[in-house]
Structures are given as C-alpha cells and as structure tokens.
C-alpha atoms as a PDB file:
ATOM      1  CA  MET A   1     -18.478  16.071  -4.492  1.00  0.00           C
ATOM      2  CA  GLY A   2     -16.888  18.834  -2.401  1.00  0.00           C
ATOM      3  CA  GLN A   3     -13.464  19.464  -0.993  1.00  0.00           C
ATOM      4  CA  PRO A   4     -12.105  16.849   1.400  1.00  0.00           C
ATOM      5  CA  ILE A   5     -11.849  17.718   5.073  1.00  0.00           C
ATOM      6  CA  SER A   6      -8.338  17.357   6.497  1.00  0.00           C
ATOM      7  CA  VAL A   7      -7.982  15.752   9.917  1.00  0.00           C
ATOM      8  CA  THR A   8      -4.456  16.217  11.294  1.00  0.00           C
ATOM      9  CA  VAL A   9      -2.891  14.474  14.294  1.00  0.00           C
ATOM     10  CA  SER A  10       0.761  14.535  15.392  1.00  0.00           C
ATOM     11  CA  HIS A  11       2.704  12.560  17.985  1.00  0.00           C
ATOM     12  CA  ARG A  12       6.282  12.730  19.210  1.00  0.00           C
ATOM     13  CA  PHE A  13       8.147   9.445  19.587  1.00  0.00           C
ATOM     14  CA  ASP A  14      11.391   8.780  21.451  1.00  0.00           C
ATOM     15  CA  ALA A  15      12.258   6.410  18.593  1.00  0.00           C
ATOM     16  CA  PRO A  16      14.141   7.317  15.406  1.00  0.00           C
ATOM     17  CA  ALA A  17      12.192   8.010  12.216  1.00  0.00           C
ATOM     18  CA  GLU A  18      13.149   4.627  10.688  1.00  0.00           C
ATOM     19  CA  LYS A  19      11.559   2.665  13.553  1.00  0.00           C
ATOM     20  CA  VAL A  20       8.439   4.828  13.597  1.00  0.00           C
ATOM     21  CA  PHE A  21       8.022   4.504   9.827  1.00  0.00           C
ATOM     22  CA  ASN A  22       8.751   0.764   9.713  1.00  0.00           C
ATOM     23  CA  ALA A  23       6.136   0.067  12.385  1.00  0.00           C
ATOM     24  CA  TRP A  24       3.517   0.862   9.714  1.00  0.00           C
ATOM     25  CA  LEU A  25       4.855  -1.743   7.285  1.00  0.00           C
ATOM     26  CA  GLU A  26       5.750  -4.721   9.480  1.00  0.00           C
ATOM     27  CA  PRO A  27       2.740  -7.016  10.021  1.00  0.00           C
ATOM     28  CA  ALA A  28       3.737  -8.161  13.527  1.00  0.00           C
ATOM     29  CA  GLN A  29       4.050  -4.562  14.710  1.00  0.00           C
ATOM     30  CA  VAL A  30       0.813  -3.457  13.026  1.00  0.00           C
ATOM     31  CA  ARG A  31      -0.990  -6.352  14.727  1.00  0.00           C
ATOM     32  CA  LYS A  32       0.364  -5.276  18.135  1.00  0.00           C
ATOM     33  CA  TRP A  33      -0.342  -1.567  17.985  1.00  0.00           C
ATOM     34  CA  MET A  34      -3.643  -1.929  16.167  1.00  0.00           C
ATOM     35  CA  SER A  35      -4.829  -4.406  18.808  1.00  0.00           C
ATOM     36  CA  MET A  36      -3.867  -1.945  21.557  1.00  0.00           C
ATOM     37  CA  ALA A  37      -5.546   0.968  19.763  1.00  0.00           C
ATOM     38  CA  LEU A  38      -8.753  -0.968  19.194  1.00  0.00           C
ATOM     39  CA  LYS A  39      -8.931  -1.918  22.871  1.00  0.00           C
ATOM     40  CA  ALA A  40      -8.357   1.742  23.815  1.00  0.00           C
ATOM     41  CA  LEU A  41     -11.263   2.653  21.510  1.00  0.00           C
ATOM     42  CA  GLY A  42     -13.552   0.152  23.228  1.00  0.00           C
ATOM     43  CA  GLN A  43     -13.377  -2.530  20.518  1.00  0.00           C
ATOM     44  CA  SER A  44     -12.380  -6.162  20.997  1.00  0.00           C
ATOM     45  CA  GLY A  45      -8.796  -5.629  19.950  1.00  0.00           C
ATOM     46  CA  GLU A  46      -8.727  -9.080  18.373  1.00  0.00           C
ATOM     47  CA  VAL A  47      -6.838  -8.455  15.120  1.00  0.00           C
ATOM     48  CA  LYS A  48      -7.487 -11.449  12.869  1.00  0.00           C
ATOM     49  CA  ARG A  49      -5.507 -10.669   9.718  1.00  0.00           C
ATOM     50  CA  VAL A  50      -2.666  -8.374   8.702  1.00  0.00           C
ATOM     51  CA  GLU A  51      -1.522  -8.466   5.077  1.00  0.00           C
ATOM     52  CA  ILE A  52       0.953  -5.864   3.826  1.00  0.00           C
ATOM     53  CA  ASP A  53       2.601  -5.494   0.407  1.00  0.00           C
ATOM     54  CA  PRO A  54       4.766  -2.408   1.094  1.00  0.00           C
ATOM     55  CA  LYS A  55       5.343  -0.912  -2.352  1.00  0.00           C
ATOM     56  CA  ILE A  56       3.694   1.780  -4.440  1.00  0.00           C
ATOM     57  CA  GLY A  57       0.558   0.144  -5.822  1.00  0.00           C
ATOM     58  CA  GLY A  58       0.800  -2.581  -3.180  1.00  0.00           C
ATOM     59  CA  THR A  59      -2.091  -3.158  -0.834  1.00  0.00           C
ATOM     60  CA  PHE A  60      -2.693  -3.696   2.848  1.00  0.00           C
ATOM     61  CA  LEU A  61      -5.513  -5.289   4.770  1.00  0.00           C
ATOM     62  CA  PHE A  62      -6.079  -5.822   8.435  1.00  0.00           C
ATOM     63  CA  SER A  63      -9.202  -6.931  10.167  1.00  0.00           C
ATOM     64  CA  ASP A  64     -10.570  -7.264  13.656  1.00  0.00           C
ATOM     65  CA  MET A  65     -13.599  -8.952  15.125  1.00  0.00           C
ATOM     66  CA  ARG A  66     -16.519  -6.803  16.271  1.00  0.00           C
ATOM     67  CA  HIS A  67     -19.834  -8.162  17.450  1.00  0.00           C
ATOM     68  CA  GLY A  68     -19.010 -11.563  15.951  1.00  0.00           C
ATOM     69  CA  ALA A  69     -18.185 -10.212  12.482  1.00  0.00           C
ATOM     70  CA  GLU A  70     -14.951  -9.388  10.702  1.00  0.00           C
ATOM     71  CA  TYR A  71     -14.375  -5.612  10.346  1.00  0.00           C
ATOM     72  CA  ARG A  72     -11.936  -4.927   7.501  1.00  0.00           C
ATOM     73  CA  HIS A  73      -9.640  -1.962   6.830  1.00  0.00           C
ATOM     74  CA  TRP A  74      -7.783  -1.882   3.529  1.00  0.00           C
ATOM     75  CA  GLY A  75      -6.080   0.350   1.033  1.00  0.00           C
ATOM     76  CA  THR A  76      -3.411   0.879  -1.587  1.00  0.00           C
ATOM     77  CA  TYR A  77      -0.017   2.501  -1.083  1.00  0.00           C
ATOM     78  CA  LEU A  78       0.270   5.713  -3.105  1.00  0.00           C
ATOM     79  CA  GLU A  79       3.667   6.892  -1.894  1.00  0.00           C
ATOM     80  CA  LEU A  80       6.469   5.209   0.020  1.00  0.00           C
ATOM     81  CA  ASP A  81       9.513   7.367   0.743  1.00  0.00           C
ATOM     82  CA  ARG A  82      11.291   5.569   3.577  1.00  0.00           C
ATOM     83  CA  PRO A  83      11.550   6.840   6.342  1.00  0.00           C
ATOM     84  CA  ARG A  84       9.892  10.193   5.659  1.00  0.00           C
ATOM     85  CA  ARG A  85       6.550   9.790   3.931  1.00  0.00           C
ATOM     86  CA  LEU A  86       3.865   7.189   3.445  1.00  0.00           C
ATOM     87  CA  ALA A  87       0.560   7.768   1.662  1.00  0.00           C
ATOM     88  CA  PHE A  88      -2.289   5.341   1.132  1.00  0.00           C
ATOM     89  CA  THR A  89      -5.976   5.071   0.416  1.00  0.00           C
ATOM     90  CA  TRP A  90      -8.146   4.012   3.341  1.00  0.00           C
ATOM     91  CA  ASN A  91     -11.341   1.970   3.228  1.00  0.00           C
ATOM     92  CA  THR A  92     -13.352   0.327   5.962  1.00  0.00           C
ATOM     93  CA  VAL A  93     -16.364  -1.902   5.905  1.00  0.00           C
ATOM     94  CA  ASP A  94     -18.516   1.223   6.397  1.00  0.00           C
ATOM     95  CA  SER A  95     -16.974   3.212   3.546  1.00  0.00           C
ATOM     96  CA  ASP A  96     -17.817   3.439  -0.118  1.00  0.00           C
ATOM     97  CA  GLU A  97     -15.056   1.472  -1.854  1.00  0.00           C
ATOM     98  CA  SER A  98     -15.269   3.725  -4.909  1.00  0.00           C
ATOM     99  CA  ASP A  99     -14.597   6.799  -2.752  1.00  0.00           C
ATOM    100  CA  PRO A 100     -11.762   5.976  -0.321  1.00  0.00           C
ATOM    101  CA  CYS A 101     -10.189   8.628   1.813  1.00  0.00           C
ATOM    102  CA  ASN A 102      -6.479   9.370   1.616  1.00  0.00           C
ATOM    103  CA  VAL A 103      -4.026   9.212   4.487  1.00  0.00           C
ATOM    104  CA  PHE A 104      -0.624  10.922   4.476  1.00  0.00           C
ATOM    105  CA  LEU A 105       2.023  10.144   7.092  1.00  0.00           C
ATOM    106  CA  SER A 106       5.137  12.250   7.440  1.00  0.00           C
ATOM    107  CA  VAL A 107       7.936  11.445   9.862  1.00  0.00           C
ATOM    108  CA  GLU A 108      10.448  14.126  10.810  1.00  0.00           C
ATOM    109  CA  PRO A 109      13.534  13.629  12.964  1.00  0.00           C
ATOM    110  CA  ASP A 110      13.324  15.526  16.274  1.00  0.00           C
ATOM    111  CA  GLY A 111      16.498  15.287  18.339  1.00  0.00           C
ATOM    112  CA  LYS A 112      16.918  11.626  19.287  1.00  0.00           C
ATOM    113  CA  GLY A 113      13.293  10.969  18.430  1.00  0.00           C
ATOM    114  CA  SER A 114      10.833  11.853  15.698  1.00  0.00           C
ATOM    115  CA  ILE A 115       7.441  13.390  15.077  1.00  0.00           C
ATOM    116  CA  LEU A 116       4.845  11.570  13.015  1.00  0.00           C
ATOM    117  CA  THR A 117       2.027  13.639  11.528  1.00  0.00           C
ATOM    118  CA  ILE A 118      -1.027  12.046   9.968  1.00  0.00           C
ATOM    119  CA  VAL A 119      -3.265  13.994   7.600  1.00  0.00           C
ATOM    120  CA  ASN A 120      -6.445  12.059   6.831  1.00  0.00           C
ATOM    121  CA  GLU A 121      -8.512  13.582   4.027  1.00  0.00           C
ATOM    122  CA  ILE A 122     -12.119  12.559   4.530  1.00  0.00           C
ATOM    123  CA  GLY A 123     -15.159  13.299   2.394  1.00  0.00           C
ATOM    124  CA  GLU A 124     -17.768  15.871   3.398  1.00  0.00           C
ATOM    125  CA  LYS A 125     -20.196  13.066   4.243  1.00  0.00           C
ATOM    126  CA  TRP A 126     -17.900  12.216   7.212  1.00  0.00           C
ATOM    127  CA  ALA A 127     -17.884  15.819   8.557  1.00  0.00           C
ATOM    128  CA  ASP A 128     -19.772  14.746  11.685  1.00  0.00           C
ATOM    129  CA  HIS A 129     -17.005  12.219  12.426  1.00  0.00           C
ATOM    130  CA  VAL A 130     -13.995  14.575  12.568  1.00  0.00           C
ATOM    131  CA  GLY A 131     -13.615  14.262  16.355  1.00  0.00           C
ATOM    132  CA  GLU A 132     -13.990  10.482  16.194  1.00  0.00           C
ATOM    133  CA  THR A 133     -11.424  10.324  13.377  1.00  0.00           C
ATOM    134  CA  GLU A 134      -8.937  12.462  15.343  1.00  0.00           C
ATOM    135  CA  ASN A 135      -9.422  10.288  18.416  1.00  0.00           C
ATOM    136  CA  GLY A 136      -8.909   7.109  16.390  1.00  0.00           C
ATOM    137  CA  TRP A 137      -5.625   8.311  14.901  1.00  0.00           C
ATOM    138  CA  ARG A 138      -4.486   9.648  18.289  1.00  0.00           C
ATOM    139  CA  ARG A 139      -5.126   6.235  19.871  1.00  0.00           C
ATOM    140  CA  ILE A 140      -3.277   4.501  17.031  1.00  0.00           C
ATOM    141  CA  LEU A 141      -0.220   6.725  17.492  1.00  0.00           C
ATOM    142  CA  GLU A 142      -0.284   6.267  21.274  1.00  0.00           C
ATOM    143  CA  ALA A 143      -0.450   2.497  20.794  1.00  0.00           C
ATOM    144  CA  GLU A 144       2.392   2.555  18.266  1.00  0.00           C
ATOM    145  CA  ASP A 145       4.456   4.577  20.757  1.00  0.00           C
ATOM    146  CA  ALA A 146       3.749   2.057  23.531  1.00  0.00           C
ATOM    147  CA  VAL A 147       4.828  -0.845  21.293  1.00  0.00           C
ATOM    148  CA  LEU A 148       8.048   0.933  20.272  1.00  0.00           C
ATOM    149  CA  LYS A 149       8.848   1.777  23.924  1.00  0.00           C
ATOM    150  CA  GLU A 150       8.208  -1.851  24.911  1.00  0.00           C
ATOM    151  CA  GLN A 151      10.563  -3.049  22.166  1.00  0.00           C
ATOM    152  CA  SER A 152      13.220  -0.524  23.158  1.00  0.00           C
ATOM    153  CA  ALA A 153      13.031  -1.588  26.825  1.00  0.00           C
ATOM    154  CA  SER A 154      13.441  -5.267  25.903  1.00  0.00           C
ATOM    155  CA  HIS A 155      16.608  -4.638  23.838  1.00  0.00           C
END
C-alpha cells in the first residue's frame, strides 16, 4: 500500500465558522445540502437516511437512491474540535470497508465569514478519480453555501 493522495478543496462562506461547521453535524442540514449536491452531480438527489452521532468514535451514515438502489456513505468521527476541525473516515458502497479514506475539514474565520478546507486522503487505487473527487467536494461545499445563504435570508 502506497502513500495516500491528498485532494484539497476550499470554499469561502459568508457565514461564521460555527454555522459552517455545524452544518456537517445537523441531520436536517446534511439532508438539504447533500440532496442539492447530488442533483448538481447528476444523481437523483433523493437522500433517504441521515444518521449522525457527532462525537469522537461516533458514526455517520447517509444514503441516497440511485438506479433503484440505496447508495450508502458512512464513516467514523476521528476528531471533533468545534468549530475548527472535523476529521472522519469515509466509505461508500464502492469502497473497500477495510481501507476507508480519511477526510479532514478545517474552518477558519475570514472577516465576517469563514473558509472551509477539505483534505480528502484517497488511496492510490483511486488516482484516476482525483478530478471527480475534487468536483464532488466542490459541489458539496457549493450546496452547503446555498443552504446557509437560504437560512440566513429567511431569518
């Protein structure tokens, strides 16, 4: 097994770090932005389940429907330093459960907003999917931003 490949994506939000961070741990928000991101990626966007146990060692699971089947994403929280850092393992139905990739989120204040950076460490076997991985995370962050802007406008 070789060195993991790091895929890094950043996005600036007009929301404070606490709101950006919390959007990753609140099931209703995850359902909203994940649905939007999946639609943007050409998937159904029908999120069926969101289960989150936001503590170190806790797990998460969300699933969507694709081609009539449930497509699951799950992992375990490795680090939870609110509102600055979140780290977790990442598995999907296509991945080898014994070899999950790791995802690291860092949120830094930036004026009245914040910048979220995702570093996704993927195995060498996924080297051909770097662009697809970057695009997926970019779409997720854009969807999260849209949900936070929508919430801000309604308050």
